[in-house]
Amino acid sequence: MPTVCFAPVEDSQALNSAIENVKSYDWALFTSANAVRFFCDRCRNLGMEVKSLQSPGPSVGAVGPATAKAALAGGLRVNYVAKKHDGESLARELAGSIKGRTVLLPRGDHSDNRMPAALRKAGAQVTEVIVYRTLVPETLESVVLDRVKRAEVDAVVFASPSAFQNLSAFLSCADLAALSKRIQFVAIGSTTADAMREGGARTAIEASESSADGLAEAIINFYQHHAATARAR
């Protein structure tokens, strides 16, 4: 039941300028597959061949394997993938390579300022550009939503702060907080978990690695532990 949808920016002037001048940057850092997809789509709309942007051009860094895979599929050569899959870690891991360098940071309109702050702390000259908008769907799948309301699922998995926040457009924060005490709320990482707690919800499971694999592992470990505990009783 998707609680987010995505759209291109309404005013693409800043994005167009960044793409047209992309070869002047030392690094381009991507923190999501969506950022890659909308960036590459805009390049093609401008009549630019994506693979030509790095010949010569910026080195490309990706926050994790899924983002790197999207970049490769889009025609970009990936020079670095973060070992710990979040934006701040990517900034810290590249600290020795970005000091005094120019960094292009294409991102969504709901992204927080922690990664650009980390990049600037490391001495990088950062240009942030919005490449996509995160929107609330007009409707949600009513059958699934009703099952969630009745706590007829074991877990609800949130892969971004927006996924949780947008659900509050259909269920009140009080309802979500109460629901989180009846079923397991799962967060893909600390940023999402923080947003959930700020909304009053209990986070039962938090992935240590912000990826689909990390989510799956955290959920499996949680239920295996509970099954083992139940057997021990």
Protein backbone atom coordinates (compact mmCIF):
# COMPACT_ATOMS: atom_id res chain seq x y z
CA MET A 1 0.00 0.00 0.00
CA PRO A 2 2.15 2.92 -1.21
CA THR A 3 1.75 6.03 0.95
CA VAL A 4 4.06 8.14 -1.20
CA CYS A 5 4.21 9.04 -4.85
CA PHE A 6 6.79 11.03 -6.75
CA ALA A 7 6.77 13.73 -9.43
CA PRO A 8 9.29 15.92 -11.26
CA VAL A 9 9.99 19.40 -9.94
CA GLU A 10 7.58 22.08 -11.15
CA ASP A 11 10.37 24.62 -11.78
CA SER A 12 13.36 22.88 -13.35
CA GLN A 13 15.55 25.97 -13.86
CA ALA A 14 17.99 25.18 -11.03
CA LEU A 15 18.13 21.50 -12.03
CA ASN A 16 18.72 22.37 -15.69
CA SER A 17 21.58 24.69 -14.72
CA ALA A 18 23.18 22.03 -12.52
CA ILE A 19 22.99 19.43 -15.30
CA GLU A 20 24.32 21.80 -17.93
CA ASN A 21 27.29 22.58 -15.67
CA VAL A 22 27.70 19.08 -14.23
CA LYS A 23 31.23 18.66 -15.57
CA SER A 24 32.38 21.52 -13.35
CA TYR A 25 31.74 19.40 -10.23
CA ASP A 26 34.22 17.02 -8.68
CA TRP A 27 31.56 14.73 -7.20
CA ALA A 28 27.86 14.00 -7.70
CA LEU A 29 26.33 12.17 -4.72
CA PHE A 30 23.03 10.30 -4.86
CA THR A 31 21.10 9.22 -1.78
CA SER A 32 18.20 7.38 -3.42
CA ALA A 33 17.19 5.55 -6.57
CA ASN A 34 14.53 8.23 -7.10
CA ALA A 35 17.17 10.96 -7.15
CA VAL A 36 19.07 9.00 -9.80
CA ARG A 37 15.96 8.29 -11.86
CA PHE A 38 14.68 11.86 -11.98
CA PHE A 39 18.17 13.26 -12.56
CA CYS A 40 18.78 10.93 -15.51
CA ASP A 41 15.29 11.55 -16.89
CA ARG A 42 15.91 15.30 -16.85
CA CYS A 43 19.26 14.83 -18.59
CA ARG A 44 17.52 12.96 -21.40
CA ASN A 45 14.78 15.59 -21.59
CA LEU A 46 17.53 18.16 -22.13
CA GLY A 47 18.97 16.02 -24.92
CA MET A 48 22.06 15.00 -22.95
CA GLU A 49 23.46 11.48 -23.06
CA VAL A 50 23.87 10.39 -19.43
CA LYS A 51 27.02 8.32 -19.93
CA SER A 52 28.77 11.34 -21.45
CA LEU A 53 28.48 13.35 -18.20
CA GLN A 54 31.54 11.65 -16.70
CA SER A 55 33.84 11.86 -19.71
CA PRO A 56 35.34 13.91 -18.11
CA GLY A 57 33.06 14.86 -15.27
CA PRO A 58 32.28 14.23 -11.64
CA SER A 59 32.92 11.05 -9.74
CA VAL A 60 29.65 9.49 -8.58
CA GLY A 61 28.93 8.34 -5.06
CA ALA A 62 25.90 6.29 -4.00
CA VAL A 63 24.41 5.82 -0.55
CA GLY A 64 23.90 2.08 -1.03
CA PRO A 65 23.65 -0.84 -3.47
CA ALA A 66 20.09 -0.05 -4.63
CA THR A 67 21.06 3.54 -5.48
CA ALA A 68 24.24 2.34 -7.18
CA LYS A 69 22.25 -0.18 -9.23
CA ALA A 70 19.85 2.57 -10.35
CA ALA A 71 22.80 4.78 -11.30
CA LEU A 72 24.40 2.04 -13.37
CA ALA A 73 21.07 1.29 -15.06
CA GLY A 74 20.71 4.99 -15.84
CA GLY A 75 24.09 5.12 -17.55
CA LEU A 76 26.29 6.51 -14.76
CA ARG A 77 29.57 4.98 -13.64
CA VAL A 78 29.61 4.60 -9.85
CA ASN A 79 32.93 5.36 -8.18
CA TYR A 80 31.97 4.82 -4.56
CA VAL A 81 29.21 3.06 -2.59
CA ALA A 82 28.86 3.85 1.11
CA LYS A 83 29.72 1.00 3.47
CA LYS A 84 27.05 2.18 5.90
CA HIS A 85 23.99 3.09 3.92
CA ASP A 86 22.95 6.58 4.95
CA GLY A 87 23.81 10.05 3.72
CA GLU A 88 25.85 11.14 6.71
CA SER A 89 27.97 8.01 6.49
CA LEU A 90 28.57 8.60 2.78
CA ALA A 91 29.78 12.11 3.62
CA ARG A 92 32.08 10.85 6.40
CA GLU A 93 33.51 8.01 4.31
CA LEU A 94 34.36 10.42 1.49
CA ALA A 95 35.75 13.11 3.80
CA GLY A 96 39.30 12.65 2.53
CA SER A 97 38.20 12.93 -1.11
CA ILE A 98 35.80 15.87 -0.91
CA LYS A 99 37.71 18.41 1.18
CA GLY A 100 37.98 21.57 -0.91
CA ARG A 101 36.04 19.89 -3.74
CA THR A 102 32.78 20.84 -5.40
CA VAL A 103 29.89 18.44 -4.76
CA LEU A 104 26.54 18.28 -6.55
CA LEU A 105 23.80 16.84 -4.36
CA PRO A 106 20.59 16.01 -6.27
CA ARG A 107 17.81 15.22 -3.78
CA GLY A 108 14.12 15.18 -2.99
CA ASP A 109 12.15 18.10 -1.65
CA HIS A 110 11.62 16.42 1.75
CA SER A 111 15.28 15.63 2.40
CA ASP A 112 16.71 16.93 5.67
CA ASN A 113 19.90 18.96 6.08
CA ARG A 114 22.05 16.39 7.87
CA MET A 115 23.96 15.14 4.82
CA PRO A 116 24.76 18.58 3.33
CA ALA A 117 25.82 19.71 6.81
CA ALA A 118 28.16 16.69 7.07
CA LEU A 119 29.58 17.41 3.62
CA ARG A 120 30.25 21.05 4.48
CA LYS A 121 31.81 20.03 7.78
CA ALA A 122 34.20 17.84 5.76
CA GLY A 123 35.20 20.90 3.73
CA ALA A 124 33.16 20.33 0.56
CA GLN A 125 31.55 23.10 -1.48
CA VAL A 126 28.01 21.77 -1.83
CA THR A 127 25.36 22.63 -4.39
CA GLU A 128 21.97 21.16 -3.48
CA VAL A 129 19.38 20.79 -6.21
CA ILE A 130 15.86 19.41 -5.93
CA VAL A 131 15.21 16.74 -8.58
CA TYR A 132 11.83 15.37 -7.48
CA ARG A 133 8.83 16.02 -5.28
CA THR A 134 7.41 13.60 -2.72
CA LEU A 135 3.60 13.71 -2.68
CA VAL A 136 0.72 12.20 -0.75
CA PRO A 137 -1.39 9.83 -2.89
CA GLU A 138 -4.96 10.99 -3.42
CA THR A 139 -6.26 7.66 -2.13
CA LEU A 140 -4.95 4.49 -0.49
CA GLU A 141 -6.04 0.92 -1.13
CA SER A 142 -9.16 0.82 1.07
CA VAL A 143 -9.13 -2.93 1.73
CA VAL A 144 -5.52 -2.85 2.94
CA LEU A 145 -6.05 0.34 4.95
CA ASP A 146 -9.05 -1.21 6.71
CA ARG A 147 -6.99 -4.26 7.63
CA VAL A 148 -4.30 -2.01 9.07
CA LYS A 149 -6.87 -0.03 11.06
CA ARG A 150 -8.20 -3.28 12.54
CA ALA A 151 -4.65 -4.48 13.32
CA GLU A 152 -5.15 -7.49 11.06
CA VAL A 153 -1.51 -7.40 9.95
CA ASP A 154 1.53 -8.38 11.99
CA ALA A 155 3.77 -5.52 10.90
CA VAL A 156 3.76 -2.26 8.96
CA VAL A 157 7.04 -1.41 7.24
CA PHE A 158 8.07 2.21 6.61
CA ALA A 159 10.91 2.84 4.16
CA SER A 160 11.05 6.63 4.58
CA PRO A 161 9.86 9.37 6.95
CA SER A 162 7.38 10.47 4.26
CA ALA A 163 5.84 7.00 4.15
CA PHE A 164 4.95 7.33 7.83
CA GLN A 165 4.02 11.02 7.77
CA ASN A 166 1.76 10.60 4.75
CA LEU A 167 -0.12 7.77 6.42
CA SER A 168 -1.14 10.30 9.06
CA ALA A 169 -3.17 12.01 6.33
CA PHE A 170 -5.45 8.97 6.44
CA LEU A 171 -5.00 7.89 10.07
CA SER A 172 -4.54 10.44 12.85
CA CYS A 173 -1.26 10.58 14.79
CA ALA A 174 -3.16 9.38 17.87
CA ASP A 175 -4.54 6.41 15.92
CA LEU A 176 -1.07 5.56 14.58
CA ALA A 177 0.43 5.78 18.08
CA ALA A 178 -2.25 3.45 19.45
CA LEU A 179 -1.88 1.08 16.50
CA SER A 180 1.88 0.83 17.00
CA LYS A 181 1.22 -0.74 20.41
CA ARG A 182 -0.87 -3.51 18.83
CA ILE A 183 1.25 -4.38 15.78
CA GLN A 184 4.93 -4.03 14.97
CA PHE A 185 6.01 -0.81 13.25
CA VAL A 186 9.22 -1.28 11.27
CA ALA A 187 11.67 1.47 10.20
CA ILE A 188 14.26 1.18 7.44
CA GLY A 189 16.74 3.24 9.46
CA SER A 190 17.32 5.85 12.13
CA THR A 191 15.95 8.81 10.16
CA THR A 192 12.64 7.04 9.57
CA ALA A 193 12.56 5.72 13.15
CA ASP A 194 13.10 9.26 14.51
CA ALA A 195 10.20 10.57 12.42
CA MET A 196 7.97 7.77 13.69
CA ARG A 197 8.86 8.47 17.33
CA GLU A 198 8.31 12.20 16.83
CA GLY A 199 4.84 11.27 15.61
CA GLY A 200 4.21 9.38 18.83
CA ALA A 201 4.51 5.85 17.39
CA ARG A 202 6.42 2.97 18.91
CA THR A 203 9.15 1.55 16.68
CA ALA A 204 9.45 -2.18 17.37
CA ILE A 205 11.97 -3.01 14.63
CA GLU A 206 14.68 -0.79 13.17
CA ALA A 207 17.00 -1.97 10.42
CA SER A 208 20.69 -1.46 11.14
CA GLU A 209 21.33 -1.16 7.40
CA SER A 210 19.10 1.22 5.42
CA SER A 211 18.28 -1.08 2.53
CA ALA A 212 15.69 -3.64 1.47
CA ASP A 213 18.03 -6.43 2.57
CA GLY A 214 18.59 -4.71 5.90
CA LEU A 215 14.85 -4.40 6.43
CA ALA A 216 14.25 -8.05 5.62
CA GLU A 217 17.04 -9.17 7.95
CA ALA A 218 15.74 -7.05 10.83
CA ILE A 219 12.20 -8.42 10.44
CA ILE A 220 13.42 -12.02 10.19
CA ASN A 221 15.63 -11.63 13.26
CA PHE A 222 12.79 -10.08 15.26
CA TYR A 223 10.33 -12.90 14.60
CA GLN A 224 12.95 -15.64 14.95
CA HIS A 225 13.87 -14.24 18.36
CA HIS A 226 10.22 -14.13 19.44
CA ALA A 227 9.63 -17.67 18.17
CA ALA A 228 12.68 -18.93 20.07
CA THR A 229 11.50 -17.12 23.22
CA ALA A 230 8.04 -18.65 22.89
CA ARG A 231 9.50 -22.15 22.50
CA ALA A 232 11.69 -21.65 25.56
CA ARG A 233 8.61 -20.97 27.63
